[in-house]
C-alpha atoms as a PDB file:
ATOM      1  CA  MET A   1      -0.030   0.002  -0.014  1.00  0.00           C
ATOM      2  CA  SER A   2       1.344   3.445  -0.836  1.00  0.00           C
ATOM      3  CA  GLU A   3       2.244   5.921   1.754  1.00  0.00           C
ATOM      4  CA  VAL A   4       0.095   8.984   1.684  1.00  0.00           C
ATOM      5  CA  LEU A   5       0.199  11.905   4.244  1.00  0.00           C
ATOM      6  CA  ILE A   6      -3.166  12.837   5.625  1.00  0.00           C
ATOM      7  CA  LEU A   7      -2.847  16.277   7.004  1.00  0.00           C
ATOM      8  CA  ASP A   8      -5.131  18.720   8.729  1.00  0.00           C
ATOM      9  CA  LEU A   9      -5.341  21.894   6.706  1.00  0.00           C
ATOM     10  CA  PRO A  10      -4.942  24.323   9.675  1.00  0.00           C
ATOM     11  CA  ASP A  11      -1.580  22.642  10.576  1.00  0.00           C
ATOM     12  CA  ILE A  12      -0.030  23.023   7.175  1.00  0.00           C
ATOM     13  CA  SER A  13      -1.307  26.555   6.522  1.00  0.00           C
ATOM     14  CA  GLN A  14       1.539  27.819   8.689  1.00  0.00           C
ATOM     15  CA  ILE A  15       4.017  26.834   6.089  1.00  0.00           C
ATOM     16  CA  LYS A  16       4.118  29.716   3.629  1.00  0.00           C
ATOM     17  CA  SER A  17       6.167  28.198   0.903  1.00  0.00           C
ATOM     18  CA  ILE A  18       8.568  25.381  -0.041  1.00  0.00           C
ATOM     19  CA  PRO A  19      11.914  25.849  -1.858  1.00  0.00           C
ATOM     20  CA  VAL A  20      11.980  26.090  -5.679  1.00  0.00           C
ATOM     21  CA  TYR A  21      15.276  24.867  -7.226  1.00  0.00           C
ATOM     22  CA  VAL A  22      16.983  25.291 -10.513  1.00  0.00           C
ATOM     23  CA  LEU A  23      18.482  22.378 -12.268  1.00  0.00           C
ATOM     24  CA  HIS A  24      21.465  23.280 -14.451  1.00  0.00           C
ATOM     25  CA  ALA A  25      21.488  20.797 -17.357  1.00  0.00           C
ATOM     26  CA  SER A  26      24.593  20.009 -19.211  1.00  0.00           C
ATOM     27  CA  ASN A  27      23.361  21.688 -22.390  1.00  0.00           C
ATOM     28  CA  ALA A  28      23.416  25.026 -20.506  1.00  0.00           C
ATOM     29  CA  ARG A  29      19.630  25.037 -20.098  1.00  0.00           C
ATOM     30  CA  GLU A  30      18.078  25.729 -16.708  1.00  0.00           C
ATOM     31  CA  LEU A  31      14.900  24.225 -15.322  1.00  0.00           C
ATOM     32  CA  PRO A  32      13.021  25.438 -12.223  1.00  0.00           C
ATOM     33  CA  PHE A  33      11.543  22.585 -10.259  1.00  0.00           C
ATOM     34  CA  LEU A  34      10.056  21.738  -6.865  1.00  0.00           C
ATOM     35  CA  ILE A  35       9.469  18.655  -4.846  1.00  0.00           C
ATOM     36  CA  SER A  36       6.327  18.009  -2.698  1.00  0.00           C
ATOM     37  CA  LEU A  37       4.728  15.055  -0.993  1.00  0.00           C
ATOM     38  CA  VAL A  38       1.474  13.578  -2.044  1.00  0.00           C
ATOM     39  CA  MET A  39      -1.096  14.782   0.594  1.00  0.00           C
ATOM     40  CA  GLN A  40      -4.748  14.144   1.117  1.00  0.00           C
ATOM     41  CA  ASP A  41      -7.395  15.946   3.228  1.00  0.00           C
ATOM     42  CA  GLN A  42      -9.543  14.150   5.779  1.00  0.00           C
ATOM     43  CA  GLN A  43     -11.924  13.091   3.062  1.00  0.00           C
ATOM     44  CA  GLY A  44      -9.108  11.486   1.043  1.00  0.00           C
ATOM     45  CA  GLN A  45      -8.996  14.026  -1.668  1.00  0.00           C
ATOM     46  CA  LEU A  46      -5.518  14.917  -3.069  1.00  0.00           C
ATOM     47  CA  ILE A  47      -4.667  18.559  -2.097  1.00  0.00           C
ATOM     48  CA  PHE A  48      -1.903  20.954  -2.969  1.00  0.00           C
ATOM     49  CA  PRO A  49      -1.439  22.926   0.220  1.00  0.00           C
ATOM     50  CA  PRO A  50      -0.953  26.665   0.130  1.00  0.00           C
ATOM     51  CA  SER A  51       2.827  26.167   0.445  1.00  0.00           C
ATOM     52  CA  VAL A  52       2.873  24.299  -2.854  1.00  0.00           C
ATOM     53  CA  THR A  53       0.681  26.880  -4.584  1.00  0.00           C
ATOM     54  CA  ASN A  54       2.900  29.714  -3.286  1.00  0.00           C
ATOM     55  CA  ALA A  55       5.940  28.012  -4.513  1.00  0.00           C
ATOM     56  CA  ILE A  56       4.512  27.488  -7.949  1.00  0.00           C
ATOM     57  CA  ASN A  57       3.398  31.100  -8.122  1.00  0.00           C
ATOM     58  CA  ARG A  58       6.703  32.438  -6.908  1.00  0.00           C
ATOM     59  CA  ALA A  59       8.538  30.383  -9.585  1.00  0.00           C
ATOM     60  CA  SER A  60       6.250  31.678 -12.259  1.00  0.00           C
ATOM     61  CA  ASP A  61       6.542  35.228 -11.083  1.00  0.00           C
ATOM     62  CA  ILE A  62      10.444  35.055 -11.133  1.00  0.00           C
ATOM     63  CA  THR A  63      10.883  33.108 -14.326  1.00  0.00           C
ATOM     64  CA  GLY A  64       7.904  34.117 -16.425  1.00  0.00           C
ATOM     65  CA  ARG A  65       7.218  30.401 -17.044  1.00  0.00           C
ATOM     66  CA  THR A  66       3.455  29.559 -17.080  1.00  0.00           C
ATOM     67  CA  GLY A  67       3.462  25.801 -17.827  1.00  0.00           C
ATOM     68  CA  LEU A  68       3.573  23.080 -15.078  1.00  0.00           C
ATOM     69  CA  VAL A  69       4.679  19.456 -15.719  1.00  0.00           C
ATOM     70  CA  ILE A  70       3.583  17.170 -12.755  1.00  0.00           C
ATOM     71  CA  GLN A  71       5.784  14.097 -12.400  1.00  0.00           C
ATOM     72  CA  PRO A  72       4.416  11.470  -9.919  1.00  0.00           C
ATOM     73  CA  VAL A  73       7.190   9.603  -8.171  1.00  0.00           C
ATOM     74  CA  VAL A  74       6.343   6.492  -6.271  1.00  0.00           C
ATOM     75  CA  LEU A  75       8.223   3.916  -4.194  1.00  0.00           C
ATOM     76  CA  GLY A  76       9.939   1.469  -6.531  1.00  0.00           C
ATOM     77  CA  ASP A  77      10.427   3.938  -9.422  1.00  0.00           C
ATOM     78  CA  PHE A  78      13.835   3.805 -11.103  1.00  0.00           C
ATOM     79  CA  LEU A  79      14.705   7.362 -10.171  1.00  0.00           C
ATOM     80  CA  GLU A  80      17.435   7.952 -12.756  1.00  0.00           C
ATOM     81  CA  GLN A  81      15.003   7.023 -15.455  1.00  0.00           C
ATOM     82  CA  VAL A  82      12.152   9.168 -13.836  1.00  0.00           C
ATOM     83  CA  VAL A  83      14.516  12.155 -13.782  1.00  0.00           C
ATOM     84  CA  GLN A  84      15.826  11.689 -17.342  1.00  0.00           C
ATOM     85  CA  ARG A  85      12.299  11.249 -18.804  1.00  0.00           C
ATOM     86  CA  SER A  86      10.801  14.289 -16.764  1.00  0.00           C
ATOM     87  CA  LEU A  87      13.729  16.521 -17.743  1.00  0.00           C
ATOM     88  CA  PHE A  88      13.437  15.503 -21.426  1.00  0.00           C
ATOM     89  CA  GLN A  89       9.628  16.169 -21.402  1.00  0.00           C
ATOM     90  CA  THR A  90       9.860  19.496 -19.480  1.00  0.00           C
ATOM     91  CA  LEU A  91      12.846  20.921 -21.411  1.00  0.00           C
ATOM     92  CA  ALA A  92      10.985  20.211 -24.621  1.00  0.00           C
ATOM     93  CA  LEU A  93       8.449  22.884 -23.448  1.00  0.00           C
ATOM     94  CA  ALA A  94       9.654  26.458 -23.638  1.00  0.00           C
ATOM     95  CA  ASP A  95       8.046  27.807 -20.468  1.00  0.00           C
ATOM     96  CA  ALA A  96       7.488  24.954 -17.966  1.00  0.00           C
ATOM     97  CA  ILE A  97       8.246  24.352 -14.311  1.00  0.00           C
ATOM     98  CA  LEU A  98       8.704  20.792 -13.199  1.00  0.00           C
ATOM     99  CA  PHE A  99       6.820  19.578 -10.205  1.00  0.00           C
ATOM    100  CA  TYR A 100       7.816  16.290  -8.595  1.00  0.00           C
ATOM    101  CA  HIS A 101       4.823  14.886  -6.615  1.00  0.00           C
ATOM    102  CA  CYS A 102       6.386  12.224  -4.307  1.00  0.00           C
ATOM    103  CA  GLN A 103       4.638   9.423  -2.687  1.00  0.00           C
ATOM    104  CA  GLY A 104       6.469   9.772   0.672  1.00  0.00           C
ATOM    105  CA  THR A 105       9.400  11.277   2.471  1.00  0.00           C
ATOM    106  CA  GLN A 106      11.815   8.540   1.582  1.00  0.00           C
ATOM    107  CA  VAL A 107      10.840   8.778  -2.079  1.00  0.00           C
ATOM    108  CA  ALA A 108      11.393  12.594  -1.905  1.00  0.00           C
ATOM    109  CA  GLU A 109      14.773  12.249  -0.118  1.00  0.00           C
ATOM    110  CA  ASN A 110      15.975   9.671  -2.638  1.00  0.00           C
ATOM    111  CA  LEU A 111      14.866  11.882  -5.530  1.00  0.00           C
ATOM    112  CA  ILE A 112      16.742  14.916  -4.287  1.00  0.00           C
ATOM    113  CA  ALA A 113      19.786  12.741  -3.655  1.00  0.00           C
ATOM    114  CA  GLN A 114      19.547  11.378  -7.299  1.00  0.00           C
ATOM    115  CA  LEU A 115      19.155  14.906  -8.755  1.00  0.00           C
ATOM    116  CA  LEU A 116      22.093  16.163  -6.769  1.00  0.00           C
ATOM    117  CA  GLY A 117      24.234  13.257  -7.981  1.00  0.00           C
ATOM    118  CA  MET A 118      23.398  13.938 -11.579  1.00  0.00           C
ATOM    119  CA  TYR A 119      23.121  17.763 -11.875  1.00  0.00           C
ATOM    120  CA  ARG A 120      24.169  21.042 -10.362  1.00  0.00           C
ATOM    121  CA  ILE A 121      21.250  22.422  -8.367  1.00  0.00           C
ATOM    122  CA  THR A 122      20.729  25.909  -6.910  1.00  0.00           C
ATOM    123  CA  LEU A 123      17.964  27.753  -5.052  1.00  0.00           C
ATOM    124  CA  LEU A 124      15.781  29.781  -7.493  1.00  0.00           C
ATOM    125  CA  LYS A 125      16.327  32.908  -5.364  1.00  0.00           C
ATOM    126  CA  ASP A 126      20.005  32.486  -5.911  1.00  0.00           C
ATOM    127  CA  PHE A 127      19.749  32.350  -9.707  1.00  0.00           C
ATOM    128  CA  ARG A 128      18.927  35.442 -11.730  1.00  0.00           C
ATOM    129  CA  SER A 129      19.170  34.704 -15.437  1.00  0.00           C
ATOM    130  CA  LEU A 130      15.876  32.722 -15.516  1.00  0.00           C
ATOM    131  CA  SER A 131      13.887  36.006 -14.989  1.00  0.00           C
ATOM    132  CA  SER A 132      15.661  37.810 -17.873  1.00  0.00           C
END
């Protein structure tokens, strides 16, 4: 059975935003991305908490990108393949942000480790050329 976090909205509403990163690909292209966990409300409906919405909006405001590619990542995925496929798909679009939607904390931790092992990653706030 998959791990899904069930959160009470008032508890997560205190988190204003999550980090947005920039992946620097070998072909000198940059891609803004974020990682979040799959979350459900008490009724079992998938939710994007305000922290995720705020991060997506901030990335869009800074970069001018309006597209969003959502890449689900689940336990058992071959992460190198997931990363390569999602980057290929997202970089093919001129103005997209990549959103990794992870099944659980271990999946998210493994994903960021995979990304850091493959690419140079910076925080979006530290990178200015995407907004120009």
